[in-house]
């Protein structure tokens, strides 16, 4: 599934895209915080759009979603 590259005014990916990817990957905020070595509140801020999430996070989640869609994880 191709994901739209929706940017917000700060140049980052849109937080709705993050929520969509997390849902597709079946990954919780707590698990993502652990993977990224950040506080769970940071992930919450990414998910609500309070602060922009790192671009590499989207690359990771998009790759994980693709791998899961072909049944490798």
PDB file of N, CA and C in Angstrom:
ATOM      1  N   UNK A   1       0.840  -1.173   0.000  1.00  0.00           N
ATOM      2  CA  UNK A   1       0.000   0.000   0.000  1.00  0.00           C
ATOM      3  C   UNK A   1       0.886   1.237   0.000  1.00  0.00           C
ATOM      4  N   UNK A   2       0.679   2.108  -0.963  1.00  0.00           N
ATOM      5  CA  UNK A   2       1.429   3.360  -1.050  1.00  0.00           C
ATOM      6  C   UNK A   2       0.801   4.391  -0.125  1.00  0.00           C
ATOM      7  N   UNK A   3       1.622   5.047   0.678  1.00  0.00           N
ATOM      8  CA  UNK A   3       1.140   6.051   1.615  1.00  0.00           C
ATOM      9  C   UNK A   3       1.371   7.441   1.038  1.00  0.00           C
ATOM     10  N   UNK A   4       0.412   8.325   1.214  1.00  0.00           N
ATOM     11  CA  UNK A   4       0.600   9.697   0.724  1.00  0.00           C
ATOM     12  C   UNK A   4       1.676  10.402   1.535  1.00  0.00           C
ATOM     13  N   UNK A   5       2.421  11.225   0.881  1.00  0.00           N
ATOM     14  CA  UNK A   5       3.452  11.998   1.556  1.00  0.00           C
ATOM     15  C   UNK A   5       2.868  13.362   1.893  1.00  0.00           C
ATOM     16  N   UNK A   6       2.163  13.412   3.018  1.00  0.00           N
ATOM     17  CA  UNK A   6       1.462  14.620   3.450  1.00  0.00           C
ATOM     18  C   UNK A   6       2.354  15.373   4.422  1.00  0.00           C
ATOM     19  N   UNK A   7       2.699  16.600   4.086  1.00  0.00           N
ATOM     20  CA  UNK A   7       3.572  17.414   4.936  1.00  0.00           C
ATOM     21  C   UNK A   7       2.774  18.479   5.664  1.00  0.00           C
ATOM     22  N   UNK A   8       3.214  18.801   6.863  1.00  0.00           N
ATOM     23  CA  UNK A   8       2.604  19.921   7.568  1.00  0.00           C
ATOM     24  C   UNK A   8       3.422  21.179   7.283  1.00  0.00           C
ATOM     25  N   UNK A   9       3.032  22.289   7.858  1.00  0.00           N
ATOM     26  CA  UNK A   9       3.682  23.558   7.562  1.00  0.00           C
ATOM     27  C   UNK A   9       5.125  23.623   8.059  1.00  0.00           C
ATOM     28  N   UNK A  10       5.499  22.771   8.977  1.00  0.00           N
ATOM     29  CA  UNK A  10       6.878  22.763   9.465  1.00  0.00           C
ATOM     30  C   UNK A  10       7.770  21.901   8.594  1.00  0.00           C
ATOM     31  N   UNK A  11       7.216  21.280   7.560  1.00  0.00           N
ATOM     32  CA  UNK A  11       8.023  20.468   6.667  1.00  0.00           C
ATOM     33  C   UNK A  11       8.092  19.004   7.061  1.00  0.00           C
ATOM     34  N   UNK A  12       7.489  18.631   8.174  1.00  0.00           N
ATOM     35  CA  UNK A  12       7.499  17.241   8.604  1.00  0.00           C
ATOM     36  C   UNK A  12       6.303  16.476   8.079  1.00  0.00           C
ATOM     37  N   UNK A  13       6.254  15.221   8.367  1.00  0.00           N
ATOM     38  CA  UNK A  13       5.123  14.392   7.964  1.00  0.00           C
ATOM     39  C   UNK A  13       3.939  14.712   8.859  1.00  0.00           C
ATOM     40  N   UNK A  14       2.754  14.555   8.353  1.00  0.00           N
ATOM     41  CA  UNK A  14       1.538  14.870   9.101  1.00  0.00           C
ATOM     42  C   UNK A  14       1.296  13.813  10.172  1.00  0.00           C
ATOM     43  N   UNK A  15       0.859  14.251  11.351  1.00  0.00           N
ATOM     44  CA  UNK A  15       0.667  13.327  12.475  1.00  0.00           C
ATOM     45  C   UNK A  15      -0.406  12.276  12.183  1.00  0.00           C
ATOM     46  N   UNK A  16      -1.379  12.591  11.329  1.00  0.00           N
ATOM     47  CA  UNK A  16      -2.371  11.568  10.983  1.00  0.00           C
ATOM     48  C   UNK A  16      -1.723  10.403  10.254  1.00  0.00           C
ATOM     49  N   UNK A  17      -0.702  10.699   9.485  1.00  0.00           N
ATOM     50  CA  UNK A  17       0.033   9.639   8.784  1.00  0.00           C
ATOM     51  C   UNK A  17       0.756   8.746   9.799  1.00  0.00           C
ATOM     52  N   UNK A  18       1.299   9.357  10.845  1.00  0.00           N
ATOM     53  CA  UNK A  18       1.950   8.579  11.902  1.00  0.00           C
ATOM     54  C   UNK A  18       0.940   7.646  12.563  1.00  0.00           C
ATOM     55  N   UNK A  19      -0.217   8.162  12.902  1.00  0.00           N
ATOM     56  CA  UNK A  19      -1.240   7.326  13.537  1.00  0.00           C
ATOM     57  C   UNK A  19      -1.663   6.183  12.623  1.00  0.00           C
ATOM     58  N   UNK A  20      -1.794   6.462  11.333  1.00  0.00           N
ATOM     59  CA  UNK A  20      -2.166   5.427  10.367  1.00  0.00           C
ATOM     60  C   UNK A  20      -1.096   4.341  10.312  1.00  0.00           C
ATOM     61  N   UNK A  21       0.158   4.739  10.241  1.00  0.00           N
ATOM     62  CA  UNK A  21       1.245   3.765  10.181  1.00  0.00           C
ATOM     63  C   UNK A  21       1.321   2.933  11.457  1.00  0.00           C
ATOM     64  N   UNK A  22       1.156   3.583  12.601  1.00  0.00           N
ATOM     65  CA  UNK A  22       1.191   2.838  13.859  1.00  0.00           C
ATOM     66  C   UNK A  22       0.072   1.808  13.906  1.00  0.00           C
ATOM     67  N   UNK A  23      -1.081   2.170  13.415  1.00  0.00           N
ATOM     68  CA  UNK A  23      -2.209   1.246  13.373  1.00  0.00           C
ATOM     69  C   UNK A  23      -1.911   0.072  12.441  1.00  0.00           C
ATOM     70  N   UNK A  24      -1.397   0.372  11.253  1.00  0.00           N
ATOM     71  CA  UNK A  24      -1.074  -0.690  10.297  1.00  0.00           C
ATOM     72  C   UNK A  24      -0.014  -1.637  10.847  1.00  0.00           C
ATOM     73  N   UNK A  25       0.933  -1.083  11.581  1.00  0.00           N
ATOM     74  CA  UNK A  25       2.014  -1.900  12.141  1.00  0.00           C
ATOM     75  C   UNK A  25       1.623  -2.567  13.457  1.00  0.00           C
ATOM     76  N   UNK A  26       0.441  -2.220  13.964  1.00  0.00           N
ATOM     77  CA  UNK A  26      -0.027  -2.737  15.240  1.00  0.00           C
ATOM     78  C   UNK A  26       1.019  -2.491  16.338  1.00  0.00           C
ATOM     79  N   UNK A  27       1.422  -1.228  16.415  1.00  0.00           N
ATOM     80  CA  UNK A  27       2.430  -0.843  17.391  1.00  0.00           C
ATOM     81  C   UNK A  27       1.854   0.247  18.297  1.00  0.00           C
ATOM     82  N   UNK A  28       2.019   0.077  19.588  1.00  0.00           N
ATOM     83  CA  UNK A  28       1.478   1.039  20.556  1.00  0.00           C
ATOM     84  C   UNK A  28       2.432   2.210  20.739  1.00  0.00           C
ATOM     85  N   UNK A  29       1.917   3.254  21.354  1.00  0.00           N
ATOM     86  CA  UNK A  29       2.753   4.398  21.676  1.00  0.00           C
ATOM     87  C   UNK A  29       3.884   4.021  22.620  1.00  0.00           C
ATOM     88  N   UNK A  30       3.586   3.179  23.591  1.00  0.00           N
ATOM     89  CA  UNK A  30       4.609   2.745  24.547  1.00  0.00           C
ATOM     90  C   UNK A  30       5.701   1.938  23.854  1.00  0.00           C
ATOM     91  N   UNK A  31       5.309   1.051  22.959  1.00  0.00           N
ATOM     92  CA  UNK A  31       6.288   0.239  22.231  1.00  0.00           C
ATOM     93  C   UNK A  31       7.146   1.117  21.330  1.00  0.00           C
ATOM     94  N   UNK A  32       6.517   2.081  20.641  1.00  0.00           N
ATOM     95  CA  UNK A  32       7.269   2.978  19.768  1.00  0.00           C
ATOM     96  C   UNK A  32       8.239   3.825  20.588  1.00  0.00           C
ATOM     97  N   UNK A  33       7.803   4.287  21.739  1.00  0.00           N
ATOM     98  CA  UNK A  33       8.687   5.052  22.627  1.00  0.00           C
ATOM     99  C   UNK A  33       9.896   4.220  23.024  1.00  0.00           C
ATOM    100  N   UNK A  34       9.673   2.955  23.329  1.00  0.00           N
ATOM    101  CA  UNK A  34      10.767   2.059  23.698  1.00  0.00           C
ATOM    102  C   UNK A  34      11.737   1.865  22.531  1.00  0.00           C
ATOM    103  N   UNK A  35      11.207   1.644  21.342  1.00  0.00           N
ATOM    104  CA  UNK A  35      12.041   1.450  20.153  1.00  0.00           C
ATOM    105  C   UNK A  35      12.889   2.694  19.878  1.00  0.00           C
ATOM    106  N   UNK A  36      12.273   3.864  20.007  1.00  0.00           N
ATOM    107  CA  UNK A  36      12.944   5.138  19.698  1.00  0.00           C
ATOM    108  C   UNK A  36      13.755   5.685  20.863  1.00  0.00           C
ATOM    109  N   UNK A  37      13.648   5.039  22.020  1.00  0.00           N
ATOM    110  CA  UNK A  37      14.330   5.475  23.234  1.00  0.00           C
ATOM    111  C   UNK A  37      13.954   6.913  23.600  1.00  0.00           C
ATOM    112  N   UNK A  38      12.639   7.162  23.575  1.00  0.00           N
ATOM    113  CA  UNK A  38      12.096   8.459  23.996  1.00  0.00           C
ATOM    114  C   UNK A  38      11.000   8.206  25.020  1.00  0.00           C
ATOM    115  N   UNK A  39      10.590   9.252  25.705  1.00  0.00           N
ATOM    116  CA  UNK A  39       9.503   9.148  26.672  1.00  0.00           C
ATOM    117  C   UNK A  39       8.183   8.948  25.931  1.00  0.00           C
ATOM    118  N   UNK A  40       7.267   8.239  26.532  1.00  0.00           N
ATOM    119  CA  UNK A  40       5.962   8.001  25.917  1.00  0.00           C
ATOM    120  C   UNK A  40       5.237   9.320  25.620  1.00  0.00           C
ATOM    121  N   UNK A  41       5.500  10.361  26.416  1.00  0.00           N
ATOM    122  CA  UNK A  41       4.892  11.668  26.147  1.00  0.00           C
ATOM    123  C   UNK A  41       5.391  12.265  24.833  1.00  0.00           C
ATOM    124  N   UNK A  42       6.616  11.959  24.463  1.00  0.00           N
ATOM    125  CA  UNK A  42       7.151  12.432  23.185  1.00  0.00           C
ATOM    126  C   UNK A  42       6.360  11.822  22.041  1.00  0.00           C
ATOM    127  N   UNK A  43       6.103  10.530  22.130  1.00  0.00           N
ATOM    128  CA  UNK A  43       5.307   9.857  21.095  1.00  0.00           C
ATOM    129  C   UNK A  43       3.903  10.447  21.059  1.00  0.00           C
ATOM    130  N   UNK A  44       3.336  10.709  22.212  1.00  0.00           N
ATOM    131  CA  UNK A  44       2.018  11.322  22.269  1.00  0.00           C
ATOM    132  C   UNK A  44       2.028  12.683  21.568  1.00  0.00           C
ATOM    133  N   UNK A  45       3.076  13.462  21.792  1.00  0.00           N
ATOM    134  CA  UNK A  45       3.194  14.765  21.134  1.00  0.00           C
ATOM    135  C   UNK A  45       3.346  14.618  19.623  1.00  0.00           C
ATOM    136  N   UNK A  46       4.059  13.602  19.174  1.00  0.00           N
ATOM    137  CA  UNK A  46       4.166  13.331  17.741  1.00  0.00           C
ATOM    138  C   UNK A  46       2.795  12.993  17.176  1.00  0.00           C
ATOM    139  N   UNK A  47       2.070  12.139  17.896  1.00  0.00           N
ATOM    140  CA  UNK A  47       0.778  11.656  17.400  1.00  0.00           C
ATOM    141  C   UNK A  47      -0.280  12.744  17.336  1.00  0.00           C
ATOM    142  N   UNK A  48      -0.175  13.740  18.192  1.00  0.00           N
ATOM    143  CA  UNK A  48      -1.158  14.831  18.192  1.00  0.00           C
ATOM    144  C   UNK A  48      -0.707  16.015  17.350  1.00  0.00           C
ATOM    145  N   UNK A  49       0.515  15.989  16.883  1.00  0.00           N
ATOM    146  CA  UNK A  49       1.029  17.072  16.068  1.00  0.00           C
ATOM    147  C   UNK A  49       1.612  18.233  16.854  1.00  0.00           C
ATOM    148  N   UNK A  50       1.748  18.066  18.175  1.00  0.00           N
ATOM    149  CA  UNK A  50       2.348  19.134  18.988  1.00  0.00           C
ATOM    150  C   UNK A  50       3.792  19.388  18.576  1.00  0.00           C
ATOM    151  N   UNK A  51       4.505  18.321  18.289  1.00  0.00           N
ATOM    152  CA  UNK A  51       5.873  18.428  17.771  1.00  0.00           C
ATOM    153  C   UNK A  51       5.995  17.479  16.588  1.00  0.00           C
ATOM    154  N   UNK A  52       6.859  17.821  15.683  1.00  0.00           N
ATOM    155  CA  UNK A  52       7.057  16.980  14.504  1.00  0.00           C
ATOM    156  C   UNK A  52       7.869  15.737  14.828  1.00  0.00           C
ATOM    157  N   UNK A  53       7.486  14.640  14.236  1.00  0.00           N
ATOM    158  CA  UNK A  53       8.220  13.387  14.414  1.00  0.00           C
ATOM    159  C   UNK A  53       9.383  13.346  13.422  1.00  0.00           C
ATOM    160  N   UNK A  54      10.471  12.678  13.785  1.00  0.00           N
ATOM    161  CA  UNK A  54      11.621  12.578  12.882  1.00  0.00           C
ATOM    162  C   UNK A  54      11.255  11.840  11.589  1.00  0.00           C
ATOM    163  N   UNK A  55      11.796  12.295  10.491  1.00  0.00           N
ATOM    164  CA  UNK A  55      11.535  11.666   9.200  1.00  0.00           C
ATOM    165  C   UNK A  55      11.918  10.199   9.166  1.00  0.00           C
ATOM    166  N   UNK A  56      13.003   9.844   9.843  1.00  0.00           N
ATOM    167  CA  UNK A  56      13.442   8.441   9.850  1.00  0.00           C
ATOM    168  C   UNK A  56      12.413   7.543  10.521  1.00  0.00           C
ATOM    169  N   UNK A  57      11.637   8.084  11.429  1.00  0.00           N
ATOM    170  CA  UNK A  57      10.592   7.308  12.076  1.00  0.00           C
ATOM    171  C   UNK A  57       9.562   6.857  11.045  1.00  0.00           C
ATOM    172  N   UNK A  58       9.207   7.757  10.137  1.00  0.00           N
ATOM    173  CA  UNK A  58       8.250   7.414   9.094  1.00  0.00           C
ATOM    174  C   UNK A  58       8.838   6.366   8.149  1.00  0.00           C
ATOM    175  N   UNK A  59      10.111   6.509   7.827  1.00  0.00           N
ATOM    176  CA  UNK A  59      10.764   5.530   6.956  1.00  0.00           C
ATOM    177  C   UNK A  59      10.729   4.145   7.605  1.00  0.00           C
ATOM    178  N   UNK A  60      11.032   4.093   8.899  1.00  0.00           N
ATOM    179  CA  UNK A  60      11.011   2.823   9.632  1.00  0.00           C
ATOM    180  C   UNK A  60       9.609   2.213   9.636  1.00  0.00           C
ATOM    181  N   UNK A  61       8.613   3.021   9.983  1.00  0.00           N
ATOM    182  CA  UNK A  61       7.250   2.500  10.071  1.00  0.00           C
ATOM    183  C   UNK A  61       6.705   2.106   8.695  1.00  0.00           C
ATOM    184  N   UNK A  62       7.056   2.843   7.653  1.00  0.00           N
ATOM    185  CA  UNK A  62       6.611   2.470   6.310  1.00  0.00           C
ATOM    186  C   UNK A  62       7.225   1.143   5.890  1.00  0.00           C
ATOM    187  N   UNK A  63       8.508   0.956   6.199  1.00  0.00           N
ATOM    188  CA  UNK A  63       9.156  -0.316   5.892  1.00  0.00           C
ATOM    189  C   UNK A  63       8.534  -1.454   6.698  1.00  0.00           C
ATOM    190  N   UNK A  64       8.297  -1.234   7.971  1.00  0.00           N
ATOM    191  CA  UNK A  64       7.675  -2.249   8.817  1.00  0.00           C
ATOM    192  C   UNK A  64       6.281  -2.609   8.302  1.00  0.00           C
ATOM    193  N   UNK A  65       5.516  -1.608   7.887  1.00  0.00           N
ATOM    194  CA  UNK A  65       4.170  -1.866   7.351  1.00  0.00           C
ATOM    195  C   UNK A  65       4.251  -2.723   6.088  1.00  0.00           C
ATOM    196  N   UNK A  66       5.224  -2.443   5.224  1.00  0.00           N
ATOM    197  CA  UNK A  66       5.386  -3.237   3.999  1.00  0.00           C
ATOM    198  C   UNK A  66       5.764  -4.672   4.318  1.00  0.00           C
ATOM    199  N   UNK A  67       6.695  -4.838   5.240  1.00  0.00           N
ATOM    200  CA  UNK A  67       7.124  -6.180   5.634  1.00  0.00           C
ATOM    201  C   UNK A  67       5.959  -6.957   6.238  1.00  0.00           C
ATOM    202  N   UNK A  68       5.191  -6.310   7.108  1.00  0.00           N
ATOM    203  CA  UNK A  68       4.036  -6.968   7.718  1.00  0.00           C
ATOM    204  C   UNK A  68       2.982  -7.317   6.678  1.00  0.00           C
ATOM    205  N   UNK A  69       2.841  -6.467   5.655  1.00  0.00           N
ATOM    206  CA  UNK A  69       1.808  -6.732   4.647  1.00  0.00           C
ATOM    207  C   UNK A  69       2.128  -7.953   3.792  1.00  0.00           C
ATOM    208  N   UNK A  70       3.406  -8.309   3.720  1.00  0.00           N
ATOM    209  CA  UNK A  70       3.752  -9.521   2.967  1.00  0.00           C
ATOM    210  C   UNK A  70       3.959 -10.723   3.883  1.00  0.00           C
ATOM    211  N   UNK A  71       3.674 -10.516   5.177  1.00  0.00           N
ATOM    212  CA  UNK A  71       3.669 -11.621   6.131  1.00  0.00           C
ATOM    213  C   UNK A  71       5.010 -12.060   6.640  1.00  0.00           C
ATOM    214  N   UNK A  72       5.976 -11.185   6.657  1.00  0.00           N
ATOM    215  CA  UNK A  72       7.307 -11.551   7.121  1.00  0.00           C
ATOM    216  C   UNK A  72       7.548 -11.268   8.604  1.00  0.00           C
ATOM    217  N   UNK A  73       6.623 -10.580   9.255  1.00  0.00           N
ATOM    218  CA  UNK A  73       6.802 -10.276  10.674  1.00  0.00           C
ATOM    219  C   UNK A  73       5.537 -10.619  11.405  1.00  0.00           C
TER     220      UNK A  73
END
